[in-house]
PDB file of all heavy atoms in Angstrom:
ATOM      1  N   ASN A   1     103.529 108.172  99.472  1.00  0.00           N
ATOM      2  CA  ASN A   1     104.552 108.367 100.496  1.00  0.00           C
ATOM      3  C   ASN A   1     105.519 107.182 100.504  1.00  0.00           C
ATOM      4  O   ASN A   1     105.379 106.240  99.737  1.00  0.00           O
ATOM      5  CB  ASN A   1     103.925 108.626 101.868  1.00  0.00           C
ATOM      6  CG  ASN A   1     102.754 107.709 102.178  1.00  0.00           C
ATOM      7  OD1 ASN A   1     102.467 106.770 101.445  1.00  0.00           O
ATOM      8  ND2 ASN A   1     102.070 107.976 103.261  1.00  0.00           N
ATOM      9  N   ARG A   2     106.525 107.226 101.383  1.00  0.00           N
ATOM     10  CA  ARG A   2     107.651 106.303 101.274  1.00  0.00           C
ATOM     11  C   ARG A   2     107.417 104.960 101.967  1.00  0.00           C
ATOM     12  O   ARG A   2     106.768 104.885 103.018  1.00  0.00           O
ATOM     13  CB  ARG A   2     108.912 106.949 101.857  1.00  0.00           C
ATOM     14  CG  ARG A   2     109.360 108.222 101.145  1.00  0.00           C
ATOM     15  CD  ARG A   2     109.640 107.985  99.667  1.00  0.00           C
ATOM     16  NE  ARG A   2     110.098 109.187  98.991  1.00  0.00           N
ATOM     17  CZ  ARG A   2     111.322 109.351  98.490  1.00  0.00           C
ATOM     18  NH1 ARG A   2     112.220 108.413  98.591  1.00  0.00           N
ATOM     19  NH2 ARG A   2     111.630 110.477  97.876  1.00  0.00           N
ATOM     20  N   SER A   3     107.997 103.928 101.369  1.00  0.00           N
ATOM     21  CA  SER A   3     108.062 102.615 102.014  1.00  0.00           C
ATOM     22  C   SER A   3     109.343 101.929 101.544  1.00  0.00           C
ATOM     23  O   SER A   3     110.062 102.441 100.675  1.00  0.00           O
ATOM     24  CB  SER A   3     106.824 101.768 101.704  1.00  0.00           C
ATOM     25  OG  SER A   3     106.713 101.472 100.322  1.00  0.00           O
ATOM     26  N   LEU A   4     109.641 100.767 102.113  1.00  0.00           N
ATOM     27  CA  LEU A   4     110.875 100.053 101.789  1.00  0.00           C
ATOM     28  C   LEU A   4     110.656  99.105 100.609  1.00  0.00           C
ATOM     29  O   LEU A   4     109.654  98.395 100.545  1.00  0.00           O
ATOM     30  CB  LEU A   4     111.362  99.261 103.008  1.00  0.00           C
ATOM     31  CG  LEU A   4     111.661 100.079 104.265  1.00  0.00           C
ATOM     32  CD1 LEU A   4     112.196  99.165 105.366  1.00  0.00           C
ATOM     33  CD2 LEU A   4     112.647 101.200 103.977  1.00  0.00           C
ATOM     34  N   HIS A   5     111.610  99.112  99.672  1.00  0.00           N
ATOM     35  CA  HIS A   5     111.516  98.280  98.475  1.00  0.00           C
ATOM     36  C   HIS A   5     112.843  97.567  98.215  1.00  0.00           C
ATOM     37  O   HIS A   5     113.920  98.105  98.497  1.00  0.00           O
ATOM     38  CB  HIS A   5     111.162  99.143  97.259  1.00  0.00           C
ATOM     39  CG  HIS A   5     109.762  99.659  97.278  1.00  0.00           C
ATOM     40  ND1 HIS A   5     108.752  99.091  96.550  1.00  0.00           N
ATOM     41  CD2 HIS A   5     109.197 100.676  97.973  1.00  0.00           C
ATOM     42  CE1 HIS A   5     107.624  99.743  96.776  1.00  0.00           C
ATOM     43  NE2 HIS A   5     107.868 100.716  97.636  1.00  0.00           N
ATOM     44  N   PHE A   6     112.741  96.371  97.670  1.00  0.00           N
ATOM     45  CA  PHE A   6     113.937  95.653  97.227  1.00  0.00           C
ATOM     46  C   PHE A   6     114.423  96.277  95.914  1.00  0.00           C
ATOM     47  O   PHE A   6     113.654  96.427  94.973  1.00  0.00           O
ATOM     48  CB  PHE A   6     113.627  94.169  97.017  1.00  0.00           C
ATOM     49  CG  PHE A   6     113.319  93.429  98.284  1.00  0.00           C
ATOM     50  CD1 PHE A   6     112.017  93.046  98.583  1.00  0.00           C
ATOM     51  CD2 PHE A   6     114.327  93.119  99.178  1.00  0.00           C
ATOM     52  CE1 PHE A   6     111.720  92.365  99.740  1.00  0.00           C
ATOM     53  CE2 PHE A   6     114.046  92.438 100.360  1.00  0.00           C
ATOM     54  CZ  PHE A   6     112.738  92.062 100.644  1.00  0.00           C
ATOM     55  N   MET A   7     115.686  96.644  95.862  1.00  0.00           N
ATOM     56  CA  MET A   7     116.229  97.322  94.687  1.00  0.00           C
ATOM     57  C   MET A   7     116.495  96.357  93.531  1.00  0.00           C
ATOM     58  O   MET A   7     116.549  96.768  92.379  1.00  0.00           O
ATOM     59  CB  MET A   7     117.509  98.073  95.045  1.00  0.00           C
ATOM     60  CG  MET A   7     117.271  99.225  96.036  1.00  0.00           C
ATOM     61  SD  MET A   7     115.994 100.377  95.464  1.00  0.00           S
ATOM     62  CE  MET A   7     116.732 101.026  93.976  1.00  0.00           C
ATOM     63  N   HIS A   8     116.669  95.057  93.842  1.00  0.00           N
ATOM     64  CA  HIS A   8     116.901  94.066  92.798  1.00  0.00           C
ATOM     65  C   HIS A   8     116.375  92.720  93.282  1.00  0.00           C
ATOM     66  O   HIS A   8     116.077  92.542  94.472  1.00  0.00           O
ATOM     67  CB  HIS A   8     118.394  93.978  92.451  1.00  0.00           C
ATOM     68  CG  HIS A   8     119.279  93.963  93.659  1.00  0.00           C
ATOM     69  ND1 HIS A   8     119.946  95.071  94.111  1.00  0.00           N
ATOM     70  CD2 HIS A   8     119.595  92.975  94.522  1.00  0.00           C
ATOM     71  CE1 HIS A   8     120.634  94.783  95.201  1.00  0.00           C
ATOM     72  NE2 HIS A   8     120.439  93.522  95.483  1.00  0.00           N
ATOM     73  N   SER A   9     116.243  91.787  92.377  1.00  0.00           N
ATOM     74  CA  SER A   9     115.755  90.451  92.735  1.00  0.00           C
ATOM     75  C   SER A   9     116.797  89.738  93.605  1.00  0.00           C
ATOM     76  O   SER A   9     118.006  89.873  93.381  1.00  0.00           O
ATOM     77  CB  SER A   9     115.472  89.632  91.476  1.00  0.00           C
ATOM     78  OG  SER A   9     114.433  90.230  90.721  1.00  0.00           O
ATOM     79  N   MET A  10     116.307  88.979  94.578  1.00  0.00           N
ATOM     80  CA  MET A  10     117.185  88.256  95.493  1.00  0.00           C
ATOM     81  C   MET A  10     116.604  86.866  95.761  1.00  0.00           C
ATOM     82  O   MET A  10     115.411  86.620  95.531  1.00  0.00           O
ATOM     83  CB  MET A  10     117.346  89.032  96.813  1.00  0.00           C
ATOM     84  CG  MET A  10     117.958  90.413  96.638  1.00  0.00           C
ATOM     85  SD  MET A  10     118.038  91.363  98.189  1.00  0.00           S
ATOM     86  CE  MET A  10     119.274  90.432  99.087  1.00  0.00           C
ATOM     87  N   LYS A  11     117.435  85.965  96.259  1.00  0.00           N
ATOM     88  CA  LYS A  11     117.038  84.580  96.487  1.00  0.00           C
ATOM     89  C   LYS A  11     116.824  84.283  97.973  1.00  0.00           C
ATOM     90  O   LYS A  11     117.411  84.931  98.842  1.00  0.00           O
ATOM     91  CB  LYS A  11     118.117  83.626  95.942  1.00  0.00           C
ATOM     92  CG  LYS A  11     118.315  83.693  94.427  1.00  0.00           C
ATOM     93  CD  LYS A  11     117.098  83.157  93.700  1.00  0.00           C
ATOM     94  CE  LYS A  11     117.337  83.086  92.202  1.00  0.00           C
ATOM     95  NZ  LYS A  11     116.134  82.585  91.480  1.00  0.00           N
ATOM     96  N   LYS A  12     115.978  83.294  98.230  1.00  0.00           N
ATOM     97  CA  LYS A  12     115.774  82.807  99.591  1.00  0.00           C
ATOM     98  C   LYS A  12     117.118  82.462 100.219  1.00  0.00           C
ATOM     99  O   LYS A  12     117.969  81.825  99.591  1.00  0.00           O
ATOM    100  CB  LYS A  12     114.881  81.567  99.548  1.00  0.00           C
ATOM    101  CG  LYS A  12     114.629  80.934 100.919  1.00  0.00           C
ATOM    102  CD  LYS A  12     113.728  79.707 100.796  1.00  0.00           C
ATOM    103  CE  LYS A  12     113.534  79.037 102.146  1.00  0.00           C
ATOM    104  NZ  LYS A  12     112.638  77.850 102.042  1.00  0.00           N
ATOM    105  N   GLY A  13     117.332  82.931 101.447  1.00  0.00           N
ATOM    106  CA  GLY A  13     118.587  82.671 102.148  1.00  0.00           C
ATOM    107  C   GLY A  13     119.604  83.793 102.020  1.00  0.00           C
ATOM    108  O   GLY A  13     120.585  83.832 102.783  1.00  0.00           O
ATOM    109  N   ASP A  14     119.399  84.724 101.067  1.00  0.00           N
ATOM    110  CA  ASP A  14     120.308  85.866 100.938  1.00  0.00           C
ATOM    111  C   ASP A  14     120.193  86.771 102.160  1.00  0.00           C
ATOM    112  O   ASP A  14     119.109  86.940 102.738  1.00  0.00           O
ATOM    113  CB  ASP A  14     119.975  86.685  99.689  1.00  0.00           C
ATOM    114  CG  ASP A  14     120.394  86.004  98.396  1.00  0.00           C
ATOM    115  OD1 ASP A  14     121.111  84.992  98.472  1.00  0.00           O
ATOM    116  OD2 ASP A  14     119.994  86.486  97.315  1.00  0.00           O
ATOM    117  N   VAL A  15     121.333  87.361 102.542  1.00  0.00           N
ATOM    118  CA  VAL A  15     121.351  88.327 103.644  1.00  0.00           C
ATOM    119  C   VAL A  15     121.152  89.727 103.065  1.00  0.00           C
ATOM    120  O   VAL A  15     121.814  90.105 102.085  1.00  0.00           O
ATOM    121  CB  VAL A  15     122.680  88.252 104.421  1.00  0.00           C
ATOM    122  CG1 VAL A  15     122.699  89.296 105.550  1.00  0.00           C
ATOM    123  CG2 VAL A  15     122.870  86.854 105.008  1.00  0.00           C
ATOM    124  N   ILE A  16     120.260  90.478 103.661  1.00  0.00           N
ATOM    125  CA  ILE A  16     119.905  91.803 103.144  1.00  0.00           C
ATOM    126  C   ILE A  16     120.903  92.842 103.654  1.00  0.00           C
ATOM    127  O   ILE A  16     121.126  92.972 104.863  1.00  0.00           O
ATOM    128  CB  ILE A  16     118.488  92.200 103.588  1.00  0.00           C
ATOM    129  CG1 ILE A  16     117.470  91.180 103.056  1.00  0.00           C
ATOM    130  CG2 ILE A  16     118.133  93.603 103.104  1.00  0.00           C
ATOM    131  CD1 ILE A  16     116.082  91.352 103.648  1.00  0.00           C
ATOM    132  N   SER A  17     121.502  93.590 102.737  1.00  0.00           N
ATOM    133  CA  SER A  17     122.371  94.704 103.114  1.00  0.00           C
ATOM    134  C   SER A  17     121.628  96.013 102.903  1.00  0.00           C
ATOM    135  O   SER A  17     120.551  96.050 102.287  1.00  0.00           O
ATOM    136  CB  SER A  17     123.654  94.699 102.275  1.00  0.00           C
ATOM    137  OG  SER A  17     123.373  95.097 100.940  1.00  0.00           O
ATOM    138  N   ARG A  18     122.197  97.103 103.399  1.00  0.00           N
ATOM    139  CA  ARG A  18     121.567  98.418 103.232  1.00  0.00           C
ATOM    140  C   ARG A  18     121.405  98.763 101.757  1.00  0.00           C
ATOM    141  O   ARG A  18     120.392  99.365 101.358  1.00  0.00           O
ATOM    142  CB  ARG A  18     122.406  99.494 103.947  1.00  0.00           C
ATOM    143  CG  ARG A  18     121.931 100.930 103.715  1.00  0.00           C
ATOM    144  CD  ARG A  18     120.531 101.157 104.275  1.00  0.00           C
ATOM    145  NE  ARG A  18     120.032 102.499 103.982  1.00  0.00           N
ATOM    146  CZ  ARG A  18     119.365 102.827 102.865  1.00  0.00           C
ATOM    147  NH1 ARG A  18     119.129 101.909 101.933  1.00  0.00           N
ATOM    148  NH2 ARG A  18     118.928 104.059 102.690  1.00  0.00           N
ATOM    149  N   ASP A  19     122.363  98.369 100.926  1.00  0.00           N
ATOM    150  CA  ASP A  19     122.304  98.697  99.502  1.00  0.00           C
ATOM    151  C   ASP A  19     121.209  97.933  98.764  1.00  0.00           C
ATOM    152  O   ASP A  19     120.862  98.283  97.637  1.00  0.00           O
ATOM    153  CB  ASP A  19     123.654  98.414  98.839  1.00  0.00           C
ATOM    154  CG  ASP A  19     124.736  99.371  99.306  1.00  0.00           C
ATOM    155  OD1 ASP A  19     124.392 100.461  99.800  1.00  0.00           O
ATOM    156  OD2 ASP A  19     125.927  99.023  99.173  1.00  0.00           O
ATOM    157  N   ASP A  20     120.675  96.897  99.388  1.00  0.00           N
ATOM    158  CA  ASP A  20     119.609  96.107  98.763  1.00  0.00           C
ATOM    159  C   ASP A  20     118.245  96.764  98.910  1.00  0.00           C
ATOM    160  O   ASP A  20     117.288  96.352  98.246  1.00  0.00           O
ATOM    161  CB  ASP A  20     119.536  94.705  99.380  1.00  0.00           C
ATOM    162  CG  ASP A  20     120.793  93.896  99.141  1.00  0.00           C
ATOM    163  OD1 ASP A  20     121.386  94.025  98.050  1.00  0.00           O
ATOM    164  OD2 ASP A  20     121.185  93.131 100.047  1.00  0.00           O
ATOM    165  N   ILE A  21     118.150  97.778  99.779  1.00  0.00           N
ATOM    166  CA  ILE A  21     116.855  98.364 100.139  1.00  0.00           C
ATOM    167  C   ILE A  21     116.792  99.829  99.727  1.00  0.00           C
ATOM    168  O   ILE A  21     117.725 100.599  99.952  1.00  0.00           O
ATOM    169  CB  ILE A  21     116.601  98.256 101.662  1.00  0.00           C
ATOM    170  CG1 ILE A  21     116.709  96.805 102.119  1.00  0.00           C
ATOM    171  CG2 ILE A  21     115.225  98.834 102.019  1.00  0.00           C
ATOM    172  CD1 ILE A  21     115.676  95.875 101.492  1.00  0.00           C
ATOM    173  N   GLY A  22     115.688 100.226  99.117  1.00  0.00           N
ATOM    174  CA  GLY A  22     115.444 101.615  98.779  1.00  0.00           C
ATOM    175  C   GLY A  22     114.282 102.169  99.586  1.00  0.00           C
ATOM    176  O   GLY A  22     113.315 101.453  99.883  1.00  0.00           O
ATOM    177  N   VAL A  23     114.390 103.461  99.971  1.00  0.00           N
ATOM    178  CA  VAL A  23     113.290 104.167 100.646  1.00  0.00           C
ATOM    179  C   VAL A  23     112.580 104.964  99.560  1.00  0.00           C
ATOM    180  O   VAL A  23     112.974 106.080  99.220  1.00  0.00           O
ATOM    181  CB  VAL A  23     113.830 105.086 101.756  1.00  0.00           C
ATOM    182  CG1 VAL A  23     112.676 105.772 102.491  1.00  0.00           C
ATOM    183  CG2 VAL A  23     114.689 104.294 102.738  1.00  0.00           C
ATOM    184  N   LEU A  24     111.538 104.385  98.979  1.00  0.00           N
ATOM    185  CA  LEU A  24     110.986 104.884  97.727  1.00  0.00           C
ATOM    186  C   LEU A  24     109.476 105.118  97.787  1.00  0.00           C
ATOM    187  O   LEU A  24     108.792 104.597  98.668  1.00  0.00           O
ATOM    188  CB  LEU A  24     111.273 103.876  96.601  1.00  0.00           C
ATOM    189  CG  LEU A  24     112.735 103.496  96.362  1.00  0.00           C
ATOM    190  CD1 LEU A  24     112.814 102.378  95.334  1.00  0.00           C
ATOM    191  CD2 LEU A  24     113.549 104.699  95.917  1.00  0.00           C
ATOM    192  N   ARG A  25     108.994 105.902  96.829  1.00  0.00           N
ATOM    193  CA  ARG A  25     107.563 105.969  96.576  1.00  0.00           C
ATOM    194  C   ARG A  25     107.182 104.726  95.777  1.00  0.00           C
ATOM    195  O   ARG A  25     107.893 104.336  94.853  1.00  0.00           O
ATOM    196  CB  ARG A  25     107.213 107.219  95.772  1.00  0.00           C
ATOM    197  CG  ARG A  25     107.620 108.526  96.423  1.00  0.00           C
ATOM    198  CD  ARG A  25     107.205 109.690  95.531  1.00  0.00           C
ATOM    199  NE  ARG A  25     107.727 110.963  96.005  1.00  0.00           N
ATOM    200  CZ  ARG A  25     107.534 112.134  95.399  1.00  0.00           C
ATOM    201  NH1 ARG A  25     106.839 112.162  94.265  1.00  0.00           N
ATOM    202  NH2 ARG A  25     108.026 113.252  95.900  1.00  0.00           N
ATOM    203  N   THR A  26     106.052 104.134  96.091  1.00  0.00           N
ATOM    204  CA  THR A  26     105.593 102.948  95.359  1.00  0.00           C
ATOM    205  C   THR A  26     105.012 103.343  94.013  1.00  0.00           C
ATOM    206  O   THR A  26     105.291 102.735  92.980  1.00  0.00           O
ATOM    207  CB  THR A  26     104.547 102.187  96.178  1.00  0.00           C
ATOM    208  OG1 THR A  26     105.122 101.822  97.434  1.00  0.00           O
ATOM    209  CG2 THR A  26     104.094 100.932  95.453  1.00  0.00           C
ATOM    210  N   GLU A  27     104.134 104.374  94.020  1.00  0.00           N
ATOM    211  CA  GLU A  27     103.503 104.925  92.825  1.00  0.00           C
ATOM    212  C   GLU A  27     102.660 103.912  92.048  1.00  0.00           C
ATOM    213  O   GLU A  27     101.737 103.366  92.601  1.00  0.00           O
ATOM    214  CB  GLU A  27     104.549 105.596  91.926  1.00  0.00           C
ATOM    215  CG  GLU A  27     105.115 106.887  92.521  1.00  0.00           C
ATOM    216  CD  GLU A  27     104.143 108.056  92.551  1.00  0.00           C
ATOM    217  OE1 GLU A  27     103.027 107.942  92.021  1.00  0.00           O
ATOM    218  OE2 GLU A  27     104.513 109.104  93.127  1.00  0.00           O
ATOM    219  N   LYS A  28     103.012 103.587  90.813  1.00  0.00           N
ATOM    220  CA  LYS A  28     102.050 103.044  89.857  1.00  0.00           C
ATOM    221  C   LYS A  28     101.675 101.577  90.052  1.00  0.00           C
ATOM    222  O   LYS A  28     100.545 101.253  90.393  1.00  0.00           O
ATOM    223  CB  LYS A  28     102.560 103.270  88.429  1.00  0.00           C
ATOM    224  CG  LYS A  28     102.822 104.740  88.093  1.00  0.00           C
ATOM    225  CD  LYS A  28     101.577 105.583  88.183  1.00  0.00           C
ATOM    226  CE  LYS A  28     101.853 107.033  87.816  1.00  0.00           C
ATOM    227  NZ  LYS A  28     100.671 107.884  87.938  1.00  0.00           N
ATOM    228  N   ILE A  29     102.605 100.650  89.820  1.00  0.00           N
ATOM    229  CA  ILE A  29     102.211  99.239  89.717  1.00  0.00           C
ATOM    230  C   ILE A  29     102.875  98.332  90.750  1.00  0.00           C
ATOM    231  O   ILE A  29     102.500  97.162  90.861  1.00  0.00           O
ATOM    232  CB  ILE A  29     102.519  98.693  88.305  1.00  0.00           C
ATOM    233  CG1 ILE A  29     104.020  98.763  88.004  1.00  0.00           C
ATOM    234  CG2 ILE A  29     101.704  99.436  87.255  1.00  0.00           C
ATOM    235  CD1 ILE A  29     104.416  98.080  86.700  1.00  0.00           C
ATOM    236  N   LEU A  30     103.837  98.824  91.506  1.00  0.00           N
ATOM    237  CA  LEU A  30     104.523  97.979  92.480  1.00  0.00           C
ATOM    238  C   LEU A  30     103.696  97.838  93.758  1.00  0.00           C
ATOM    239  O   LEU A  30     102.723  98.556  93.975  1.00  0.00           O
ATOM    240  CB  LEU A  30     105.903  98.569  92.797  1.00  0.00           C
ATOM    241  CG  LEU A  30     106.859  98.682  91.605  1.00  0.00           C
ATOM    242  CD1 LEU A  30     108.152  99.358  92.025  1.00  0.00           C
ATOM    243  CD2 LEU A  30     107.143  97.301  91.007  1.00  0.00           C
TER     244      LEU A  30
END
């Protein structure tokens, strides 16, 4: 089922935008 995931690598101090987050299935190794 769905959970929130970071779509790309980000650095400490970065501000999270909506485009940075995916509503995804985790599935195999994440």
